[in-house]
């Protein structure tokens, strides 16, 4: 099959294959701007990311429901799809990267204050630039780490349940 045909015949997952995926990174952007914006905007960025995570989990549950039709074990498979997606996305898109960017920005602001004579507004904007520029570098390692974590923990439970059916 022609690679172009193969690519176009693939189903597009709006939560993974379109611009919508960037909504999951809203909280990292919020954390990068924490030194410059009101805290309510940072928390709002977490709300956007959490809505994204929840919507993706619901979508994967609906797809699992359709895929399993009226087969026995459908409820369990749908629940596993929802829980696995929600936990993975919560860790990989919200909790770990949000914490990481928060700490990178806090450390940057602290170090700039200790090692430079830059005025506070310049230090804050520099911290924001450092936080924003860090985001692309943390995504892949965090995603792989969360895959490993889930494969070594809750996914073992899912797989054990499947073996006993």
N, C-alpha and C. Protein backbone atom coordinates (compact mmCIF):
# COMPACT_ATOMS: atom_id res chain seq x y z
N UNK A 1 0.84 -1.19 0.00
CA UNK A 1 0.00 0.00 0.00
C UNK A 1 0.88 1.24 0.00
N UNK A 2 0.47 2.22 -0.75
CA UNK A 2 1.18 3.48 -0.83
C UNK A 2 1.16 4.16 0.55
N UNK A 3 2.31 4.67 1.04
CA UNK A 3 2.35 5.31 2.36
C UNK A 3 1.36 6.47 2.49
N UNK A 4 1.10 7.18 1.41
CA UNK A 4 0.14 8.28 1.47
C UNK A 4 -1.26 7.73 1.69
N UNK A 5 -1.61 6.66 0.96
CA UNK A 5 -2.92 6.04 1.15
C UNK A 5 -3.06 5.51 2.57
N UNK A 6 -1.98 4.87 3.06
CA UNK A 6 -2.01 4.30 4.40
C UNK A 6 -2.24 5.39 5.43
N UNK A 7 -1.57 6.53 5.27
CA UNK A 7 -1.70 7.62 6.21
C UNK A 7 -3.11 8.21 6.19
N UNK A 8 -3.69 8.38 5.00
CA UNK A 8 -5.01 8.99 4.90
C UNK A 8 -6.11 8.02 5.31
N UNK A 9 -5.86 6.70 5.21
CA UNK A 9 -6.90 5.75 5.59
C UNK A 9 -6.92 5.50 7.10
N UNK A 10 -5.90 5.97 7.80
CA UNK A 10 -5.85 5.83 9.25
C UNK A 10 -6.88 6.74 9.91
N UNK A 11 -7.50 6.28 10.97
CA UNK A 11 -8.44 7.10 11.71
C UNK A 11 -7.67 8.15 12.49
N UNK A 12 -8.10 9.39 12.40
CA UNK A 12 -7.45 10.48 13.12
C UNK A 12 -8.04 10.55 14.52
N UNK A 13 -7.16 10.50 15.51
CA UNK A 13 -7.55 10.66 16.90
C UNK A 13 -7.35 12.14 17.24
N UNK A 14 -8.45 12.89 17.43
CA UNK A 14 -8.31 14.33 17.63
C UNK A 14 -7.51 14.67 18.88
N UNK A 15 -7.48 13.77 19.86
CA UNK A 15 -6.76 14.03 21.10
C UNK A 15 -5.27 13.73 21.00
N UNK A 16 -4.87 13.01 19.96
CA UNK A 16 -3.46 12.65 19.82
C UNK A 16 -2.84 13.15 18.52
N UNK A 17 -3.66 13.35 17.48
CA UNK A 17 -3.13 13.63 16.14
C UNK A 17 -3.45 15.03 15.62
N UNK A 18 -4.05 15.89 16.42
CA UNK A 18 -4.41 17.24 15.96
C UNK A 18 -3.91 18.28 16.96
N UNK A 19 -4.20 19.52 16.67
CA UNK A 19 -3.82 20.63 17.54
C UNK A 19 -4.43 20.51 18.92
N UNK A 20 -5.52 19.76 19.06
CA UNK A 20 -6.18 19.60 20.36
C UNK A 20 -5.20 19.04 21.40
N UNK A 21 -4.23 18.25 20.93
CA UNK A 21 -3.24 17.67 21.84
C UNK A 21 -2.50 18.73 22.64
N UNK A 22 -2.32 19.90 22.05
CA UNK A 22 -1.59 20.97 22.73
C UNK A 22 -2.33 21.50 23.96
N UNK A 23 -3.65 21.26 24.03
CA UNK A 23 -4.38 21.67 25.23
C UNK A 23 -3.88 20.92 26.46
N UNK A 24 -3.36 19.73 26.26
CA UNK A 24 -2.78 18.96 27.37
C UNK A 24 -1.53 19.60 27.93
N UNK A 25 -0.91 20.51 27.16
CA UNK A 25 0.30 21.20 27.63
C UNK A 25 -0.01 22.58 28.21
N UNK A 26 -1.26 22.91 28.34
CA UNK A 26 -1.64 24.24 28.83
C UNK A 26 -1.04 24.53 30.20
N UNK A 27 -1.03 23.54 31.08
CA UNK A 27 -0.51 23.79 32.43
C UNK A 27 0.99 24.03 32.45
N UNK A 28 1.74 23.42 31.50
CA UNK A 28 3.18 23.69 31.43
C UNK A 28 3.40 25.15 31.04
N UNK A 29 2.61 25.64 30.11
CA UNK A 29 2.71 27.04 29.71
C UNK A 29 2.32 27.92 30.90
N UNK A 30 1.27 27.53 31.60
CA UNK A 30 0.86 28.27 32.80
C UNK A 30 1.98 28.33 33.83
N UNK A 31 2.64 27.19 34.04
CA UNK A 31 3.75 27.17 35.00
C UNK A 31 4.91 28.05 34.54
N UNK A 32 5.18 28.06 33.25
CA UNK A 32 6.26 28.89 32.74
C UNK A 32 5.98 30.38 32.98
N UNK A 33 4.70 30.75 32.94
CA UNK A 33 4.32 32.15 33.14
C UNK A 33 3.97 32.48 34.58
N UNK A 34 4.12 31.54 35.49
CA UNK A 34 3.71 31.73 36.89
C UNK A 34 4.29 33.00 37.50
N UNK A 35 5.53 33.34 37.20
CA UNK A 35 6.16 34.52 37.78
C UNK A 35 5.58 35.83 37.24
N UNK A 36 4.84 35.76 36.15
CA UNK A 36 4.37 36.97 35.48
C UNK A 36 2.86 37.20 35.53
N UNK A 37 2.11 36.15 35.77
CA UNK A 37 0.64 36.27 35.69
C UNK A 37 0.00 35.95 37.04
N UNK A 38 -1.25 36.37 37.21
CA UNK A 38 -1.94 36.01 38.45
C UNK A 38 -2.06 34.49 38.59
N UNK A 39 -2.02 34.02 39.82
CA UNK A 39 -2.10 32.57 40.09
C UNK A 39 -3.38 31.96 39.51
N UNK A 40 -4.44 32.75 39.43
CA UNK A 40 -5.70 32.22 38.89
C UNK A 40 -5.53 31.79 37.43
N UNK A 41 -4.67 32.47 36.68
CA UNK A 41 -4.42 32.06 35.30
C UNK A 41 -3.64 30.76 35.25
N UNK A 42 -2.72 30.58 36.19
CA UNK A 42 -1.98 29.31 36.25
C UNK A 42 -2.94 28.18 36.56
N UNK A 43 -3.81 28.37 37.54
CA UNK A 43 -4.79 27.33 37.89
C UNK A 43 -5.76 27.11 36.73
N UNK A 44 -6.10 28.17 36.01
CA UNK A 44 -6.94 28.03 34.82
C UNK A 44 -6.29 27.16 33.76
N UNK A 45 -4.96 27.28 33.63
CA UNK A 45 -4.25 26.43 32.67
C UNK A 45 -4.33 24.95 33.09
N UNK A 46 -4.33 24.70 34.39
CA UNK A 46 -4.51 23.33 34.87
C UNK A 46 -5.93 22.84 34.58
N UNK A 47 -6.91 23.72 34.67
CA UNK A 47 -8.29 23.34 34.35
C UNK A 47 -8.40 22.94 32.88
N UNK A 48 -7.76 23.71 31.99
CA UNK A 48 -7.79 23.38 30.56
C UNK A 48 -7.16 22.01 30.33
N UNK A 49 -5.99 21.77 30.92
CA UNK A 49 -5.30 20.50 30.75
C UNK A 49 -6.12 19.34 31.32
N UNK A 50 -6.78 19.56 32.44
CA UNK A 50 -7.59 18.51 33.06
C UNK A 50 -8.82 18.20 32.22
N UNK A 51 -9.43 19.19 31.63
CA UNK A 51 -10.56 18.95 30.71
C UNK A 51 -10.08 18.12 29.53
N UNK A 52 -8.91 18.44 28.99
CA UNK A 52 -8.34 17.67 27.89
C UNK A 52 -8.15 16.21 28.29
N UNK A 53 -7.54 15.99 29.44
CA UNK A 53 -7.28 14.62 29.93
C UNK A 53 -8.59 13.85 30.08
N UNK A 54 -9.58 14.49 30.68
CA UNK A 54 -10.88 13.85 30.89
C UNK A 54 -11.57 13.56 29.57
N UNK A 55 -11.53 14.49 28.65
CA UNK A 55 -12.17 14.29 27.34
C UNK A 55 -11.51 13.14 26.59
N UNK A 56 -10.19 13.04 26.65
CA UNK A 56 -9.48 11.95 25.99
C UNK A 56 -9.88 10.61 26.62
N UNK A 57 -9.96 10.56 27.93
CA UNK A 57 -10.34 9.31 28.61
C UNK A 57 -11.77 8.90 28.24
N UNK A 58 -12.68 9.84 28.20
CA UNK A 58 -14.07 9.54 27.82
C UNK A 58 -14.11 9.05 26.37
N UNK A 59 -13.36 9.72 25.50
CA UNK A 59 -13.30 9.32 24.09
C UNK A 59 -12.80 7.88 23.95
N UNK A 60 -11.74 7.54 24.68
CA UNK A 60 -11.19 6.18 24.59
C UNK A 60 -12.18 5.16 25.17
N UNK A 61 -12.94 5.55 26.17
CA UNK A 61 -13.98 4.67 26.70
C UNK A 61 -15.08 4.42 25.69
N UNK A 62 -15.50 5.47 25.00
CA UNK A 62 -16.53 5.33 23.96
C UNK A 62 -16.04 4.44 22.83
N UNK A 63 -14.78 4.63 22.42
CA UNK A 63 -14.22 3.80 21.35
C UNK A 63 -14.12 2.34 21.79
N UNK A 64 -13.75 2.10 23.04
CA UNK A 64 -13.68 0.72 23.55
C UNK A 64 -15.08 0.11 23.58
N UNK A 65 -16.08 0.89 23.94
CA UNK A 65 -17.45 0.39 23.98
C UNK A 65 -17.92 -0.03 22.59
N UNK A 66 -17.61 0.78 21.59
CA UNK A 66 -17.99 0.44 20.22
C UNK A 66 -17.22 -0.79 19.75
N UNK A 67 -15.93 -0.84 20.05
CA UNK A 67 -15.09 -1.94 19.60
C UNK A 67 -15.52 -3.28 20.20
N UNK A 68 -16.04 -3.26 21.41
CA UNK A 68 -16.39 -4.52 22.08
C UNK A 68 -17.87 -4.87 21.98
N UNK A 69 -18.66 -3.99 21.35
CA UNK A 69 -20.06 -4.31 21.09
C UNK A 69 -20.77 -4.87 22.30
N UNK A 70 -21.41 -6.05 22.11
CA UNK A 70 -22.13 -6.70 23.21
C UNK A 70 -21.34 -7.88 23.76
N UNK A 71 -20.05 -7.92 23.53
CA UNK A 71 -19.21 -9.03 24.00
C UNK A 71 -19.13 -9.06 25.52
N UNK A 72 -18.97 -10.27 26.07
CA UNK A 72 -18.76 -10.37 27.52
C UNK A 72 -17.50 -9.61 27.92
N UNK A 73 -17.53 -9.00 29.08
CA UNK A 73 -16.37 -8.26 29.56
C UNK A 73 -16.27 -6.85 29.02
N UNK A 74 -17.29 -6.42 28.30
CA UNK A 74 -17.27 -5.08 27.69
C UNK A 74 -17.10 -4.00 28.75
N UNK A 75 -17.83 -4.09 29.84
CA UNK A 75 -17.77 -3.08 30.88
C UNK A 75 -16.36 -2.96 31.44
N UNK A 76 -15.73 -4.10 31.67
CA UNK A 76 -14.36 -4.09 32.20
C UNK A 76 -13.40 -3.46 31.21
N UNK A 77 -13.54 -3.82 29.94
CA UNK A 77 -12.64 -3.28 28.92
C UNK A 77 -12.82 -1.77 28.75
N UNK A 78 -14.05 -1.32 28.85
CA UNK A 78 -14.31 0.13 28.76
C UNK A 78 -13.70 0.83 29.98
N UNK A 79 -13.91 0.26 31.15
CA UNK A 79 -13.34 0.84 32.37
C UNK A 79 -11.82 0.90 32.30
N UNK A 80 -11.20 -0.17 31.81
CA UNK A 80 -9.74 -0.20 31.67
C UNK A 80 -9.29 0.89 30.70
N UNK A 81 -9.98 1.05 29.59
CA UNK A 81 -9.61 2.07 28.60
C UNK A 81 -9.68 3.46 29.22
N UNK A 82 -10.75 3.72 29.96
CA UNK A 82 -10.93 5.04 30.58
C UNK A 82 -9.87 5.28 31.66
N UNK A 83 -9.71 4.32 32.55
CA UNK A 83 -8.75 4.48 33.66
C UNK A 83 -7.33 4.60 33.14
N UNK A 84 -6.95 3.70 32.22
CA UNK A 84 -5.59 3.73 31.70
C UNK A 84 -5.30 5.06 31.00
N UNK A 85 -6.22 5.53 30.18
CA UNK A 85 -6.02 6.80 29.48
C UNK A 85 -5.95 7.95 30.47
N UNK A 86 -6.89 7.97 31.44
CA UNK A 86 -6.91 9.07 32.40
C UNK A 86 -5.64 9.11 33.24
N UNK A 87 -5.23 7.96 33.76
CA UNK A 87 -4.02 7.92 34.60
C UNK A 87 -2.80 8.31 33.78
N UNK A 88 -2.68 7.74 32.57
CA UNK A 88 -1.52 8.05 31.74
C UNK A 88 -1.48 9.54 31.43
N UNK A 89 -2.60 10.08 30.95
CA UNK A 89 -2.64 11.50 30.59
C UNK A 89 -2.43 12.40 31.81
N UNK A 90 -3.04 12.04 32.94
CA UNK A 90 -2.87 12.87 34.14
C UNK A 90 -1.40 12.95 34.55
N UNK A 91 -0.73 11.81 34.50
CA UNK A 91 0.69 11.80 34.86
C UNK A 91 1.57 12.45 33.79
N UNK A 92 1.37 12.05 32.52
CA UNK A 92 2.27 12.47 31.44
C UNK A 92 1.98 13.87 30.92
N UNK A 93 0.75 14.33 31.05
CA UNK A 93 0.39 15.64 30.48
C UNK A 93 0.21 16.72 31.53
N UNK A 94 -0.09 16.34 32.77
CA UNK A 94 -0.41 17.36 33.77
C UNK A 94 0.55 17.32 34.96
N UNK A 95 0.55 16.24 35.70
CA UNK A 95 1.24 16.22 37.00
C UNK A 95 2.76 16.32 36.86
N UNK A 96 3.37 15.38 36.16
CA UNK A 96 4.84 15.36 36.08
C UNK A 96 5.40 16.55 35.32
N UNK A 97 4.87 16.87 34.12
CA UNK A 97 5.44 18.04 33.43
C UNK A 97 5.15 19.36 34.16
N UNK A 98 3.97 19.47 34.78
CA UNK A 98 3.67 20.69 35.54
C UNK A 98 4.65 20.88 36.68
N UNK A 99 4.91 19.81 37.41
CA UNK A 99 5.88 19.86 38.51
C UNK A 99 7.27 20.18 37.98
N UNK A 100 7.65 19.55 36.87
CA UNK A 100 8.98 19.74 36.29
C UNK A 100 9.19 21.19 35.87
N UNK A 101 8.24 21.75 35.14
CA UNK A 101 8.38 23.14 34.69
C UNK A 101 8.35 24.09 35.89
N UNK A 102 7.51 23.80 36.87
CA UNK A 102 7.46 24.61 38.08
C UNK A 102 8.83 24.67 38.74
N UNK A 103 9.47 23.52 38.88
CA UNK A 103 10.78 23.46 39.55
C UNK A 103 11.88 24.09 38.70
N UNK A 104 11.84 23.87 37.38
CA UNK A 104 12.83 24.50 36.50
C UNK A 104 12.72 26.02 36.61
N UNK A 105 11.51 26.53 36.59
CA UNK A 105 11.31 27.98 36.66
C UNK A 105 11.70 28.53 38.04
N UNK A 106 11.32 27.82 39.10
CA UNK A 106 11.68 28.28 40.44
C UNK A 106 13.20 28.29 40.62
N UNK A 107 13.87 27.24 40.15
CA UNK A 107 15.33 27.17 40.26
C UNK A 107 15.98 28.27 39.41
N UNK A 108 15.44 28.49 38.22
CA UNK A 108 15.99 29.52 37.34
C UNK A 108 15.88 30.90 37.98
N UNK A 109 14.71 31.21 38.51
CA UNK A 109 14.49 32.51 39.14
C UNK A 109 15.43 32.68 40.33
N UNK A 110 15.56 31.64 41.12
CA UNK A 110 16.44 31.68 42.29
C UNK A 110 17.90 31.90 41.86
N UNK A 111 18.36 31.09 40.89
CA UNK A 111 19.75 31.20 40.44
C UNK A 111 20.03 32.55 39.78
N UNK A 112 19.10 33.04 39.00
CA UNK A 112 19.29 34.37 38.39
C UNK A 112 19.38 35.45 39.46
N UNK A 113 18.60 35.29 40.52
CA UNK A 113 18.66 36.26 41.62
C UNK A 113 19.97 36.21 42.37
N UNK A 114 20.55 35.02 42.50
CA UNK A 114 21.81 34.85 43.24
C UNK A 114 23.04 35.17 42.40
N UNK A 115 22.96 34.98 41.08
CA UNK A 115 24.17 35.07 40.25
C UNK A 115 24.21 36.27 39.31
N UNK A 116 23.14 37.03 39.22
CA UNK A 116 23.13 38.19 38.31
C UNK A 116 22.62 39.42 39.04
N UNK A 117 22.78 40.54 38.40
CA UNK A 117 22.23 41.78 38.92
C UNK A 117 21.09 42.28 38.03
N UNK A 118 20.51 41.33 37.29
CA UNK A 118 19.41 41.69 36.41
C UNK A 118 18.22 42.17 37.24
N UNK A 119 17.48 43.16 36.73
CA UNK A 119 16.28 43.60 37.46
C UNK A 119 15.24 42.46 37.51
N UNK A 120 14.40 42.48 38.53
CA UNK A 120 13.42 41.42 38.73
C UNK A 120 12.55 41.16 37.50
N UNK A 121 12.01 42.17 36.82
CA UNK A 121 11.20 41.88 35.62
C UNK A 121 11.97 41.11 34.55
N UNK A 122 13.23 41.42 34.37
CA UNK A 122 14.05 40.71 33.37
C UNK A 122 14.27 39.27 33.83
N UNK A 123 14.52 39.08 35.13
CA UNK A 123 14.69 37.71 35.66
C UNK A 123 13.41 36.90 35.47
N UNK A 124 12.27 37.52 35.70
CA UNK A 124 10.99 36.81 35.55
C UNK A 124 10.75 36.43 34.09
N UNK A 125 11.00 37.34 33.15
CA UNK A 125 10.82 37.03 31.74
C UNK A 125 11.82 35.97 31.28
N UNK A 126 13.03 36.05 31.81
CA UNK A 126 14.04 35.04 31.47
C UNK A 126 13.62 33.67 31.98
N UNK A 127 13.09 33.64 33.20
CA UNK A 127 12.59 32.39 33.77
C UNK A 127 11.47 31.82 32.91
N UNK A 128 10.58 32.67 32.46
CA UNK A 128 9.48 32.22 31.59
C UNK A 128 10.02 31.64 30.28
N UNK A 129 11.00 32.32 29.70
CA UNK A 129 11.61 31.82 28.45
C UNK A 129 12.28 30.47 28.68
N UNK A 130 12.96 30.32 29.80
CA UNK A 130 13.60 29.04 30.13
C UNK A 130 12.54 27.95 30.29
N UNK A 131 11.47 28.26 31.00
CA UNK A 131 10.39 27.29 31.19
C UNK A 131 9.76 26.86 29.88
N UNK A 132 9.44 27.83 29.03
CA UNK A 132 8.84 27.51 27.73
C UNK A 132 9.78 26.70 26.86
N UNK A 133 11.06 27.04 26.88
CA UNK A 133 12.01 26.32 26.04
C UNK A 133 12.30 24.92 26.56
N UNK A 134 11.99 24.67 27.81
CA UNK A 134 12.20 23.34 28.40
C UNK A 134 11.12 22.35 27.97
N UNK A 135 9.92 22.84 27.71
CA UNK A 135 8.77 21.97 27.43
C UNK A 135 9.05 20.93 26.34
N UNK A 136 9.56 21.31 25.17
CA UNK A 136 9.77 20.28 24.13
C UNK A 136 10.74 19.18 24.53
N UNK A 137 11.67 19.50 25.42
CA UNK A 137 12.68 18.51 25.81
C UNK A 137 12.20 17.52 26.86
N UNK A 138 11.15 17.87 27.60
CA UNK A 138 10.69 16.98 28.67
C UNK A 138 9.58 16.04 28.23
N UNK A 139 8.90 16.35 27.14
CA UNK A 139 7.73 15.58 26.73
C UNK A 139 8.05 14.11 26.49
N UNK A 140 8.97 13.83 25.61
CA UNK A 140 9.28 12.44 25.26
C UNK A 140 9.80 11.61 26.44
N UNK A 141 10.77 12.12 27.21
CA UNK A 141 11.23 11.32 28.36
C UNK A 141 10.13 11.07 29.39
N UNK A 142 9.28 12.05 29.61
CA UNK A 142 8.18 11.85 30.56
C UNK A 142 7.20 10.82 30.01
N UNK A 143 6.85 10.93 28.73
CA UNK A 143 5.94 9.95 28.13
C UNK A 143 6.49 8.53 28.27
N UNK A 144 7.76 8.36 27.95
CA UNK A 144 8.39 7.02 28.06
C UNK A 144 8.41 6.56 29.51
N UNK A 145 8.72 7.46 30.42
CA UNK A 145 8.76 7.11 31.84
C UNK A 145 7.39 6.69 32.37
N UNK A 146 6.35 7.40 31.94
CA UNK A 146 5.00 7.05 32.37
C UNK A 146 4.58 5.71 31.76
N UNK A 147 4.95 5.47 30.50
CA UNK A 147 4.68 4.15 29.90
C UNK A 147 5.32 3.06 30.75
N UNK A 148 6.58 3.25 31.09
CA UNK A 148 7.31 2.26 31.90
C UNK A 148 6.63 2.07 33.26
N UNK A 149 6.28 3.18 33.91
CA UNK A 149 5.64 3.13 35.22
C UNK A 149 4.32 2.36 35.17
N UNK A 150 3.49 2.67 34.18
CA UNK A 150 2.19 1.99 34.08
C UNK A 150 2.35 0.53 33.66
N UNK A 151 3.31 0.26 32.77
CA UNK A 151 3.57 -1.13 32.37
C UNK A 151 4.03 -1.97 33.56
N UNK A 152 4.76 -1.34 34.47
CA UNK A 152 5.30 -2.05 35.64
C UNK A 152 4.32 -2.07 36.82
N UNK A 153 3.17 -1.42 36.67
CA UNK A 153 2.24 -1.36 37.80
C UNK A 153 0.82 -1.71 37.38
N UNK A 154 -0.03 -0.72 37.16
CA UNK A 154 -1.45 -1.00 36.95
C UNK A 154 -1.75 -1.80 35.69
N UNK A 155 -0.92 -1.68 34.67
CA UNK A 155 -1.17 -2.47 33.45
C UNK A 155 -0.93 -3.95 33.69
N UNK A 156 -0.11 -4.29 34.66
CA UNK A 156 0.05 -5.70 35.03
C UNK A 156 -1.26 -6.25 35.59
N UNK A 157 -1.97 -5.42 36.34
CA UNK A 157 -3.26 -5.83 36.90
C UNK A 157 -4.25 -6.06 35.77
N UNK A 158 -4.30 -5.14 34.80
CA UNK A 158 -5.21 -5.30 33.66
C UNK A 158 -4.91 -6.59 32.93
N UNK A 159 -3.63 -6.83 32.66
CA UNK A 159 -3.24 -8.02 31.91
C UNK A 159 -3.55 -9.31 32.68
N UNK A 160 -3.39 -9.30 33.97
CA UNK A 160 -3.73 -10.47 34.78
C UNK A 160 -5.23 -10.77 34.72
N UNK A 161 -6.03 -9.70 34.76
CA UNK A 161 -7.49 -9.89 34.67
C UNK A 161 -7.87 -10.50 33.32
N UNK A 162 -7.21 -10.06 32.25
CA UNK A 162 -7.49 -10.60 30.92
C UNK A 162 -7.13 -12.08 30.83
N UNK A 163 -6.05 -12.50 31.49
CA UNK A 163 -5.61 -13.90 31.45
C UNK A 163 -6.62 -14.81 32.13
N UNK A 164 -7.33 -14.30 33.12
CA UNK A 164 -8.25 -15.14 33.91
C UNK A 164 -9.66 -15.15 33.35
N UNK A 165 -9.85 -14.60 32.18
CA UNK A 165 -11.21 -14.60 31.57
C UNK A 165 -11.36 -15.77 30.65
